[in-house]
C-alpha atoms as a PDB file:
ATOM      1  CA  UNK A   1       0.066   0.127  -0.183  1.00  0.00           C
ATOM      2  CA  UNK A   2       1.272   3.421  -1.204  1.00  0.00           C
ATOM      3  CA  UNK A   3       1.402   6.658   1.701  1.00  0.00           C
ATOM      4  CA  UNK A   4      -1.113   8.489  -1.412  1.00  0.00           C
ATOM      5  CA  UNK A   5      -3.543   4.957  -1.011  1.00  0.00           C
ATOM      6  CA  UNK A   6      -2.818   5.418   2.895  1.00  0.00           C
ATOM      7  CA  UNK A   7      -3.845   8.484   2.794  1.00  0.00           C
ATOM      8  CA  UNK A   8      -7.037   8.643   1.206  1.00  0.00           C
ATOM      9  CA  UNK A   9      -8.110   5.355   3.108  1.00  0.00           C
ATOM     10  CA  UNK A  10      -8.083   7.387   6.181  1.00  0.00           C
ATOM     11  CA  UNK A  11      -9.803  10.265   5.078  1.00  0.00           C
ATOM     12  CA  UNK A  12     -11.852   8.513   4.243  1.00  0.00           C
ATOM     13  CA  UNK A  13     -12.610   6.278   7.523  1.00  0.00           C
ATOM     14  CA  UNK A  14     -11.958  10.007   9.496  1.00  0.00           C
ATOM     15  CA  UNK A  15     -14.680  12.054   7.198  1.00  0.00           C
ATOM     16  CA  UNK A  16     -17.398   8.930   7.653  1.00  0.00           C
ATOM     17  CA  UNK A  17     -16.711   9.215  11.451  1.00  0.00           C
ATOM     18  CA  UNK A  18     -17.465  12.347  12.074  1.00  0.00           C
ATOM     19  CA  UNK A  19     -20.272  12.517   9.890  1.00  0.00           C
ATOM     20  CA  UNK A  20     -21.447   9.866  12.131  1.00  0.00           C
ATOM     21  CA  UNK A  21     -21.182  12.154  15.092  1.00  0.00           C
ATOM     22  CA  UNK A  22     -21.837  15.598  12.891  1.00  0.00           C
ATOM     23  CA  UNK A  23     -25.253  14.729  10.975  1.00  0.00           C
ATOM     24  CA  UNK A  24     -27.158  14.129  15.027  1.00  0.00           C
ATOM     25  CA  UNK A  25     -25.418  15.877  17.170  1.00  0.00           C
ATOM     26  CA  UNK A  26     -26.974  19.379  14.013  1.00  0.00           C
ATOM     27  CA  UNK A  27     -29.949  17.467  13.980  1.00  0.00           C
ATOM     28  CA  UNK A  28     -30.191  17.706  17.776  1.00  0.00           C
ATOM     29  CA  UNK A  29     -28.549  21.680  17.882  1.00  0.00           C
ATOM     30  CA  UNK A  30     -31.698  22.583  14.424  1.00  0.00           C
ATOM     31  CA  UNK A  31     -34.578  20.958  16.522  1.00  0.00           C
ATOM     32  CA  UNK A  32     -34.329  20.578  19.825  1.00  0.00           C
ATOM     33  CA  UNK A  33     -31.608  22.664  21.635  1.00  0.00           C
ATOM     34  CA  UNK A  34     -33.200  26.198  19.032  1.00  0.00           C
ATOM     35  CA  UNK A  35     -36.077  27.438  19.491  1.00  0.00           C
ATOM     36  CA  UNK A  36     -37.141  27.913  16.762  1.00  0.00           C
ATOM     37  CA  UNK A  37     -36.952  24.297  15.479  1.00  0.00           C
ATOM     38  CA  UNK A  38     -38.360  22.707  18.700  1.00  0.00           C
ATOM     39  CA  UNK A  39     -41.517  25.220  18.551  1.00  0.00           C
ATOM     40  CA  UNK A  40     -41.629  23.843  14.892  1.00  0.00           C
ATOM     41  CA  UNK A  41     -41.126  19.793  16.480  1.00  0.00           C
ATOM     42  CA  UNK A  42     -43.522  20.530  19.183  1.00  0.00           C
ATOM     43  CA  UNK A  43     -45.875  22.618  17.796  1.00  0.00           C
ATOM     44  CA  UNK A  44     -48.206  19.685  16.355  1.00  0.00           C
ATOM     45  CA  UNK A  45     -48.626  18.136  20.256  1.00  0.00           C
ATOM     46  CA  UNK A  46     -51.107  20.254  20.352  1.00  0.00           C
ATOM     47  CA  UNK A  47     -52.682  19.132  17.068  1.00  0.00           C
ATOM     48  CA  UNK A  48     -53.179  15.423  19.337  1.00  0.00           C
ATOM     49  CA  UNK A  49     -56.870  14.745  20.502  1.00  0.00           C
ATOM     50  CA  UNK A  50     -55.571  12.749  23.606  1.00  0.00           C
ATOM     51  CA  UNK A  51     -52.651  15.325  24.689  1.00  0.00           C
ATOM     52  CA  UNK A  52     -55.091  17.662  24.202  1.00  0.00           C
ATOM     53  CA  UNK A  53     -57.897  16.202  26.700  1.00  0.00           C
ATOM     54  CA  UNK A  54     -54.858  15.291  28.980  1.00  0.00           C
ATOM     55  CA  UNK A  55     -53.340  18.993  29.094  1.00  0.00           C
ATOM     56  CA  UNK A  56     -57.040  21.152  28.994  1.00  0.00           C
ATOM     57  CA  UNK A  57     -57.363  18.690  32.065  1.00  0.00           C
ATOM     58  CA  UNK A  58     -54.618  20.053  33.414  1.00  0.00           C
ATOM     59  CA  UNK A  59     -54.935  23.625  32.786  1.00  0.00           C
ATOM     60  CA  UNK A  60     -58.548  23.670  34.164  1.00  0.00           C
ATOM     61  CA  UNK A  61     -56.522  21.811  37.236  1.00  0.00           C
ATOM     62  CA  UNK A  62     -54.320  24.348  37.694  1.00  0.00           C
ATOM     63  CA  UNK A  63     -57.381  26.776  37.502  1.00  0.00           C
ATOM     64  CA  UNK A  64     -59.307  25.940  39.650  1.00  0.00           C
ATOM     65  CA  UNK A  65     -56.654  25.286  41.888  1.00  0.00           C
ATOM     66  CA  UNK A  66     -55.301  29.239  42.095  1.00  0.00           C
ATOM     67  CA  UNK A  67     -58.479  31.041  42.404  1.00  0.00           C
ATOM     68  CA  UNK A  68     -60.880  31.416  45.193  1.00  0.00           C
ATOM     69  CA  UNK A  69     -64.572  31.659  43.633  1.00  0.00           C
ATOM     70  CA  UNK A  70     -67.274  32.402  45.587  1.00  0.00           C
ATOM     71  CA  UNK A  71     -70.166  30.492  46.537  1.00  0.00           C
ATOM     72  CA  UNK A  72     -72.891  32.342  44.278  1.00  0.00           C
ATOM     73  CA  UNK A  73     -70.878  31.313  41.362  1.00  0.00           C
ATOM     74  CA  UNK A  74     -69.030  27.846  41.508  1.00  0.00           C
ATOM     75  CA  UNK A  75     -72.364  26.133  40.188  1.00  0.00           C
ATOM     76  CA  UNK A  76     -71.972  28.160  37.031  1.00  0.00           C
ATOM     77  CA  UNK A  77     -68.254  28.398  37.319  1.00  0.00           C
ATOM     78  CA  UNK A  78     -68.523  24.430  37.357  1.00  0.00           C
ATOM     79  CA  UNK A  79     -70.312  24.764  34.253  1.00  0.00           C
ATOM     80  CA  UNK A  80     -67.733  26.901  31.825  1.00  0.00           C
ATOM     81  CA  UNK A  81     -64.381  25.034  33.344  1.00  0.00           C
ATOM     82  CA  UNK A  82     -66.392  21.482  32.222  1.00  0.00           C
ATOM     83  CA  UNK A  83     -66.904  23.806  28.447  1.00  0.00           C
ATOM     84  CA  UNK A  84     -62.925  24.380  28.310  1.00  0.00           C
ATOM     85  CA  UNK A  85     -61.741  20.647  29.524  1.00  0.00           C
ATOM     86  CA  UNK A  86     -63.735  19.573  26.527  1.00  0.00           C
ATOM     87  CA  UNK A  87     -63.280  22.148  24.576  1.00  0.00           C
ATOM     88  CA  UNK A  88     -60.213  23.897  24.823  1.00  0.00           C
ATOM     89  CA  UNK A  89     -58.753  22.529  21.573  1.00  0.00           C
ATOM     90  CA  UNK A  90     -61.736  24.232  19.484  1.00  0.00           C
ATOM     91  CA  UNK A  91     -61.280  27.508  20.517  1.00  0.00           C
ATOM     92  CA  UNK A  92     -59.404  29.975  18.150  1.00  0.00           C
ATOM     93  CA  UNK A  93     -57.016  31.752  19.637  1.00  0.00           C
ATOM     94  CA  UNK A  94     -55.808  27.879  21.201  1.00  0.00           C
ATOM     95  CA  UNK A  95     -52.967  27.048  18.642  1.00  0.00           C
ATOM     96  CA  UNK A  96     -51.575  30.444  19.300  1.00  0.00           C
ATOM     97  CA  UNK A  97     -51.823  29.612  23.459  1.00  0.00           C
ATOM     98  CA  UNK A  98     -50.352  25.791  22.557  1.00  0.00           C
ATOM     99  CA  UNK A  99     -46.987  27.197  20.868  1.00  0.00           C
ATOM    100  CA  UNK A 100     -46.445  29.549  23.231  1.00  0.00           C
ATOM    101  CA  UNK A 101     -46.374  27.563  26.083  1.00  0.00           C
ATOM    102  CA  UNK A 102     -43.662  24.883  23.776  1.00  0.00           C
ATOM    103  CA  UNK A 103     -42.110  28.136  23.408  1.00  0.00           C
ATOM    104  CA  UNK A 104     -42.210  29.522  27.167  1.00  0.00           C
ATOM    105  CA  UNK A 105     -40.954  25.679  28.331  1.00  0.00           C
ATOM    106  CA  UNK A 106     -38.081  25.523  26.005  1.00  0.00           C
ATOM    107  CA  UNK A 107     -36.717  28.881  28.000  1.00  0.00           C
ATOM    108  CA  UNK A 108     -37.319  27.791  30.974  1.00  0.00           C
ATOM    109  CA  UNK A 109     -35.924  24.572  30.228  1.00  0.00           C
ATOM    110  CA  UNK A 110     -32.863  25.512  28.233  1.00  0.00           C
ATOM    111  CA  UNK A 111     -31.976  28.494  30.494  1.00  0.00           C
ATOM    112  CA  UNK A 112     -32.845  31.353  27.733  1.00  0.00           C
ATOM    113  CA  UNK A 113     -34.479  33.147  30.406  1.00  0.00           C
ATOM    114  CA  UNK A 114     -33.969  34.335  34.538  1.00  0.00           C
ATOM    115  CA  UNK A 115     -36.360  31.616  36.179  1.00  0.00           C
ATOM    116  CA  UNK A 116     -39.170  32.613  39.185  1.00  0.00           C
ATOM    117  CA  UNK A 117     -38.563  31.625  42.430  1.00  0.00           C
ATOM    118  CA  UNK A 118     -40.570  28.929  42.121  1.00  0.00           C
ATOM    119  CA  UNK A 119     -39.236  27.181  38.447  1.00  0.00           C
ATOM    120  CA  UNK A 120     -35.879  27.699  39.808  1.00  0.00           C
ATOM    121  CA  UNK A 121     -36.866  25.232  43.384  1.00  0.00           C
ATOM    122  CA  UNK A 122     -37.666  22.579  40.813  1.00  0.00           C
ATOM    123  CA  UNK A 123     -34.754  20.834  39.101  1.00  0.00           C
ATOM    124  CA  UNK A 124     -36.873  18.768  36.533  1.00  0.00           C
ATOM    125  CA  UNK A 125     -38.187  19.711  33.370  1.00  0.00           C
ATOM    126  CA  UNK A 126     -41.127  21.397  33.252  1.00  0.00           C
ATOM    127  CA  UNK A 127     -43.592  22.553  30.763  1.00  0.00           C
ATOM    128  CA  UNK A 128     -45.374  26.599  31.465  1.00  0.00           C
ATOM    129  CA  UNK A 129     -49.247  26.057  30.514  1.00  0.00           C
ATOM    130  CA  UNK A 130     -49.455  29.241  31.725  1.00  0.00           C
ATOM    131  CA  UNK A 131     -51.018  30.412  28.551  1.00  0.00           C
ATOM    132  CA  UNK A 132     -53.542  27.689  28.423  1.00  0.00           C
ATOM    133  CA  UNK A 133     -54.510  29.157  31.978  1.00  0.00           C
ATOM    134  CA  UNK A 134     -54.992  32.760  30.936  1.00  0.00           C
ATOM    135  CA  UNK A 135     -57.724  31.380  28.127  1.00  0.00           C
ATOM    136  CA  UNK A 136     -58.877  29.433  30.344  1.00  0.00           C
ATOM    137  CA  UNK A 137     -59.182  33.127  32.494  1.00  0.00           C
ATOM    138  CA  UNK A 138     -60.159  34.848  29.406  1.00  0.00           C
ATOM    139  CA  UNK A 139     -62.687  32.782  27.872  1.00  0.00           C
ATOM    140  CA  UNK A 140     -64.322  32.286  31.946  1.00  0.00           C
ATOM    141  CA  UNK A 141     -64.635  35.947  31.916  1.00  0.00           C
ATOM    142  CA  UNK A 142     -66.687  36.035  28.858  1.00  0.00           C
ATOM    143  CA  UNK A 143     -68.985  33.522  29.875  1.00  0.00           C
ATOM    144  CA  UNK A 144     -69.427  34.966  33.747  1.00  0.00           C
ATOM    145  CA  UNK A 145     -68.207  38.729  33.581  1.00  0.00           C
ATOM    146  CA  UNK A 146     -65.869  38.239  36.532  1.00  0.00           C
ATOM    147  CA  UNK A 147     -62.345  38.620  35.399  1.00  0.00           C
ATOM    148  CA  UNK A 148     -59.761  36.665  37.877  1.00  0.00           C
ATOM    149  CA  UNK A 149     -55.905  36.584  38.356  1.00  0.00           C
ATOM    150  CA  UNK A 150     -54.266  33.946  37.803  1.00  0.00           C
ATOM    151  CA  UNK A 151     -50.046  33.096  39.059  1.00  0.00           C
ATOM    152  CA  UNK A 152     -47.732  34.249  35.871  1.00  0.00           C
ATOM    153  CA  UNK A 153     -46.493  30.904  35.712  1.00  0.00           C
ATOM    154  CA  UNK A 154     -48.103  27.560  35.826  1.00  0.00           C
ATOM    155  CA  UNK A 155     -45.745  24.307  36.285  1.00  0.00           C
ATOM    156  CA  UNK A 156     -45.868  21.256  34.740  1.00  0.00           C
ATOM    157  CA  UNK A 157     -42.857  18.986  35.811  1.00  0.00           C
ATOM    158  CA  UNK A 158     -41.543  16.515  32.674  1.00  0.00           C
ATOM    159  CA  UNK A 159     -38.813  14.337  35.287  1.00  0.00           C
ATOM    160  CA  UNK A 160     -36.481  13.765  37.175  1.00  0.00           C
ATOM    161  CA  UNK A 161     -33.478  16.148  37.800  1.00  0.00           C
ATOM    162  CA  UNK A 162     -31.217  13.475  35.637  1.00  0.00           C
ATOM    163  CA  UNK A 163     -33.608  14.778  32.902  1.00  0.00           C
ATOM    164  CA  UNK A 164     -32.332  17.808  33.404  1.00  0.00           C
ATOM    165  CA  UNK A 165     -28.568  17.602  33.635  1.00  0.00           C
ATOM    166  CA  UNK A 166     -28.966  15.423  30.601  1.00  0.00           C
ATOM    167  CA  UNK A 167     -30.698  18.392  29.193  1.00  0.00           C
ATOM    168  CA  UNK A 168     -28.109  21.175  29.942  1.00  0.00           C
ATOM    169  CA  UNK A 169     -24.833  18.778  28.705  1.00  0.00           C
ATOM    170  CA  UNK A 170     -26.938  18.410  25.068  1.00  0.00           C
ATOM    171  CA  UNK A 171     -27.660  22.568  24.999  1.00  0.00           C
ATOM    172  CA  UNK A 172     -23.638  22.946  25.886  1.00  0.00           C
ATOM    173  CA  UNK A 173     -22.069  20.002  23.454  1.00  0.00           C
ATOM    174  CA  UNK A 174     -24.642  20.583  20.725  1.00  0.00           C
ATOM    175  CA  UNK A 175     -23.892  23.847  18.980  1.00  0.00           C
ATOM    176  CA  UNK A 176     -20.570  22.702  18.404  1.00  0.00           C
ATOM    177  CA  UNK A 177     -21.407  20.252  15.703  1.00  0.00           C
ATOM    178  CA  UNK A 178     -20.348  22.197  13.422  1.00  0.00           C
ATOM    179  CA  UNK A 179     -16.554  21.282  14.338  1.00  0.00           C
ATOM    180  CA  UNK A 180     -17.070  17.435  13.399  1.00  0.00           C
ATOM    181  CA  UNK A 181     -19.134  18.446  10.417  1.00  0.00           C
ATOM    182  CA  UNK A 182     -15.841  20.673   9.369  1.00  0.00           C
ATOM    183  CA  UNK A 183     -13.002  17.600  10.186  1.00  0.00           C
ATOM    184  CA  UNK A 184     -14.820  15.646   8.072  1.00  0.00           C
ATOM    185  CA  UNK A 185     -14.964  17.563   5.582  1.00  0.00           C
ATOM    186  CA  UNK A 186     -11.221  18.065   5.163  1.00  0.00           C
ATOM    187  CA  UNK A 187     -10.878  14.541   5.124  1.00  0.00           C
ATOM    188  CA  UNK A 188     -12.879  14.526   2.646  1.00  0.00           C
ATOM    189  CA  UNK A 189     -11.403  16.888   0.563  1.00  0.00           C
ATOM    190  CA  UNK A 190      -7.749  15.265   2.169  1.00  0.00           C
ATOM    191  CA  UNK A 191      -8.788  11.688   0.595  1.00  0.00           C
ATOM    192  CA  UNK A 192     -10.123  12.700  -3.179  1.00  0.00           C
ATOM    193  CA  UNK A 193      -6.744  15.236  -2.873  1.00  0.00           C
ATOM    194  CA  UNK A 194      -4.460  12.223  -1.941  1.00  0.00           C
ATOM    195  CA  UNK A 195      -6.444   9.138  -3.760  1.00  0.00           C
ATOM    196  CA  UNK A 196      -4.710   7.933  -7.388  1.00  0.00           C
ATOM    197  CA  UNK A 197      -8.632   6.632  -8.454  1.00  0.00           C
ATOM    198  CA  UNK A 198     -11.060   9.546  -7.223  1.00  0.00           C
ATOM    199  CA  UNK A 199     -14.496   7.234  -8.015  1.00  0.00           C
ATOM    200  CA  UNK A 200     -12.745   4.444  -5.822  1.00  0.00           C
ATOM    201  CA  UNK A 201     -13.376   7.423  -3.224  1.00  0.00           C
ATOM    202  CA  UNK A 202     -16.404   7.755  -4.435  1.00  0.00           C
ATOM    203  CA  UNK A 203     -18.010   4.756  -4.357  1.00  0.00           C
ATOM    204  CA  UNK A 204     -16.656   4.433  -0.333  1.00  0.00           C
ATOM    205  CA  UNK A 205     -17.841   7.551   0.654  1.00  0.00           C
ATOM    206  CA  UNK A 206     -21.627   5.942  -0.637  1.00  0.00           C
ATOM    207  CA  UNK A 207     -21.531   2.857   0.557  1.00  0.00           C
ATOM    208  CA  UNK A 208     -19.986   4.444   3.632  1.00  0.00           C
ATOM    209  CA  UNK A 209     -22.877   6.965   4.490  1.00  0.00           C
ATOM    210  CA  UNK A 210     -25.573   4.434   3.492  1.00  0.00           C
ATOM    211  CA  UNK A 211     -24.107   2.193   6.255  1.00  0.00           C
ATOM    212  CA  UNK A 212     -24.513   5.146   8.104  1.00  0.00           C
ATOM    213  CA  UNK A 213     -28.469   5.573   7.466  1.00  0.00           C
ATOM    214  CA  UNK A 214     -28.866   2.258   8.916  1.00  0.00           C
ATOM    215  CA  UNK A 215     -26.984   3.183  11.817  1.00  0.00           C
ATOM    216  CA  UNK A 216     -28.646   6.393  12.494  1.00  0.00           C
ATOM    217  CA  UNK A 217     -31.873   4.612  12.210  1.00  0.00           C
ATOM    218  CA  UNK A 218     -31.142   1.963  14.345  1.00  0.00           C
ATOM    219  CA  UNK A 219     -29.519   4.315  16.827  1.00  0.00           C
ATOM    220  CA  UNK A 220     -33.078   6.393  16.344  1.00  0.00           C
ATOM    221  CA  UNK A 221     -34.764   3.004  17.284  1.00  0.00           C
ATOM    222  CA  UNK A 222     -32.706   2.487  20.222  1.00  0.00           C
ATOM    223  CA  UNK A 223     -32.499   5.934  22.086  1.00  0.00           C
ATOM    224  CA  UNK A 224     -36.305   6.231  21.664  1.00  0.00           C
ATOM    225  CA  UNK A 225     -36.754   2.910  23.750  1.00  0.00           C
ATOM    226  CA  UNK A 226     -34.769   4.353  26.230  1.00  0.00           C
ATOM    227  CA  UNK A 227     -35.910   8.039  26.124  1.00  0.00           C
ATOM    228  CA  UNK A 228     -39.124   6.103  26.745  1.00  0.00           C
ATOM    229  CA  UNK A 229     -38.326   3.742  29.595  1.00  0.00           C
ATOM    230  CA  UNK A 230     -38.074   6.827  31.709  1.00  0.00           C
ATOM    231  CA  UNK A 231     -40.253   7.942  34.211  1.00  0.00           C
ATOM    232  CA  UNK A 232     -42.739  10.750  33.802  1.00  0.00           C
ATOM    233  CA  UNK A 233     -44.103  12.308  36.626  1.00  0.00           C
ATOM    234  CA  UNK A 234     -47.806  12.551  35.470  1.00  0.00           C
ATOM    235  CA  UNK A 235     -50.157  11.391  32.714  1.00  0.00           C
ATOM    236  CA  UNK A 236     -49.706  15.009  30.479  1.00  0.00           C
ATOM    237  CA  UNK A 237     -45.863  14.792  30.758  1.00  0.00           C
ATOM    238  CA  UNK A 238     -45.814  10.785  29.846  1.00  0.00           C
ATOM    239  CA  UNK A 239     -48.489  11.899  26.734  1.00  0.00           C
ATOM    240  CA  UNK A 240     -45.997  14.516  26.269  1.00  0.00           C
ATOM    241  CA  UNK A 241     -42.642  12.657  26.106  1.00  0.00           C
ATOM    242  CA  UNK A 242     -44.072  10.190  23.871  1.00  0.00           C
ATOM    243  CA  UNK A 243     -45.595  12.379  22.087  1.00  0.00           C
ATOM    244  CA  UNK A 244     -42.432  14.227  21.343  1.00  0.00           C
ATOM    245  CA  UNK A 245     -40.477  11.280  20.879  1.00  0.00           C
ATOM    246  CA  UNK A 246     -42.433  10.213  17.628  1.00  0.00           C
ATOM    247  CA  UNK A 247     -42.278  13.753  16.651  1.00  0.00           C
ATOM    248  CA  UNK A 248     -38.556  13.730  16.641  1.00  0.00           C
ATOM    249  CA  UNK A 249     -37.728  10.200  15.113  1.00  0.00           C
ATOM    250  CA  UNK A 250     -40.249  11.871  12.282  1.00  0.00           C
ATOM    251  CA  UNK A 251     -38.034  14.640  11.971  1.00  0.00           C
ATOM    252  CA  UNK A 252     -34.660  12.984  12.172  1.00  0.00           C
ATOM    253  CA  UNK A 253     -36.208  10.055   9.910  1.00  0.00           C
ATOM    254  CA  UNK A 254     -36.144  12.846   6.927  1.00  0.00           C
ATOM    255  CA  UNK A 255     -32.510  13.648   7.558  1.00  0.00           C
ATOM    256  CA  UNK A 256     -31.680   9.885   7.201  1.00  0.00           C
ATOM    257  CA  UNK A 257     -33.343   9.644   4.182  1.00  0.00           C
ATOM    258  CA  UNK A 258     -31.932  12.460   2.662  1.00  0.00           C
ATOM    259  CA  UNK A 259     -28.827  11.734   3.818  1.00  0.00           C
ATOM    260  CA  UNK A 260     -29.461   7.854   2.436  1.00  0.00           C
ATOM    261  CA  UNK A 261     -30.466   9.460  -1.026  1.00  0.00           C
ATOM    262  CA  UNK A 262     -26.936  11.669  -1.475  1.00  0.00           C
ATOM    263  CA  UNK A 263     -25.219   9.002  -0.663  1.00  0.00           C
ATOM    264  CA  UNK A 264     -26.971   6.359  -2.828  1.00  0.00           C
ATOM    265  CA  UNK A 265     -26.352   9.677  -5.848  1.00  0.00           C
ATOM    266  CA  UNK A 266     -22.054   9.689  -4.715  1.00  0.00           C
ATOM    267  CA  UNK A 267     -22.465   5.846  -5.020  1.00  0.00           C
ATOM    268  CA  UNK A 268     -23.600   6.001  -8.525  1.00  0.00           C
ATOM    269  CA  UNK A 269     -21.451   8.637  -9.354  1.00  0.00           C
ATOM    270  CA  UNK A 270     -18.607   6.929  -8.323  1.00  0.00           C
ATOM    271  CA  UNK A 271     -19.115   3.690 -10.175  1.00  0.00           C
ATOM    272  CA  UNK A 272     -19.945   5.790 -13.504  1.00  0.00           C
ATOM    273  CA  UNK A 273     -16.688   7.337 -12.565  1.00  0.00           C
ATOM    274  CA  UNK A 274     -14.974   3.505 -12.644  1.00  0.00           C
ATOM    275  CA  UNK A 275     -16.900   2.722 -15.399  1.00  0.00           C
ATOM    276  CA  UNK A 276     -15.684   5.407 -17.750  1.00  0.00           C
ATOM    277  CA  UNK A 277     -12.040   5.466 -16.300  1.00  0.00           C
ATOM    278  CA  UNK A 278     -11.782   1.656 -16.678  1.00  0.00           C
ATOM    279  CA  UNK A 279     -12.662   2.267 -20.606  1.00  0.00           C
ATOM    280  CA  UNK A 280     -10.368   4.770 -20.812  1.00  0.00           C
ATOM    281  CA  UNK A 281      -7.517   2.210 -19.627  1.00  0.00           C
ATOM    282  CA  UNK A 282      -7.960  -0.243 -22.004  1.00  0.00           C
ATOM    283  CA  UNK A 283      -8.214   2.375 -24.915  1.00  0.00           C
ATOM    284  CA  UNK A 284      -4.937   3.560 -23.480  1.00  0.00           C
ATOM    285  CA  UNK A 285      -3.672   0.047 -23.517  1.00  0.00           C
ATOM    286  CA  UNK A 286      -5.383  -0.992 -26.626  1.00  0.00           C
ATOM    287  CA  UNK A 287      -3.216   2.090 -28.466  1.00  0.00           C
END
């Protein structure tokens, strides 16, 4: 094996190893650590009927626990709150309240805002449903003509202290995905420059990319199973976790599909290049 061949093979191996790390970390950074990506990913959870029902019940329960209603209007309030628990998702302002819930929760869990004493006192992940509680307050005021103050934050615990520690580590390291991506790019360029047959490098990269797609798929299933088995604080937290995991696997699956298609194209290009260069070699030999 010549030095050029060794360097090219080493470049291919490093490019694939670094890509194996860079792609999933980049997905996590773009879709979980970054607020807009998280809102886009979690926003659809508010459309799940079972989750909506549990979430509405939790918001109604928080509203009832946070206010003291005079006796004469308790029966009227009960009707209004039952209506909220069963039909909140049909309200025109529900989607905006759910998006605000997701945004607030992301900022609290990822440290993007200064936490209140109530939030700082807990070390678990939280879902801030205060926008939904305020939504109930506003509709309650429309039905009863009574305006009631509600807490600025209404938190539903989503897990245990170890879960928050995991999120903090992810938030610290995920934005560094570009370091691995840059290393993969440099390794790829090194492999191409040093190669005697660049078409062979493309073939190996294409095959390696397809293998990585299979590896990422298996890894996503494994990670989903591990996270799915973690204990949740309550029914709302369990539903949020399961629905979010489903959305995350679907979202990452789209990246895997793109990577697999790109790898297939690189492999085909490498095969075509090998065939063309082989024919040229045969013609030169014949001449």
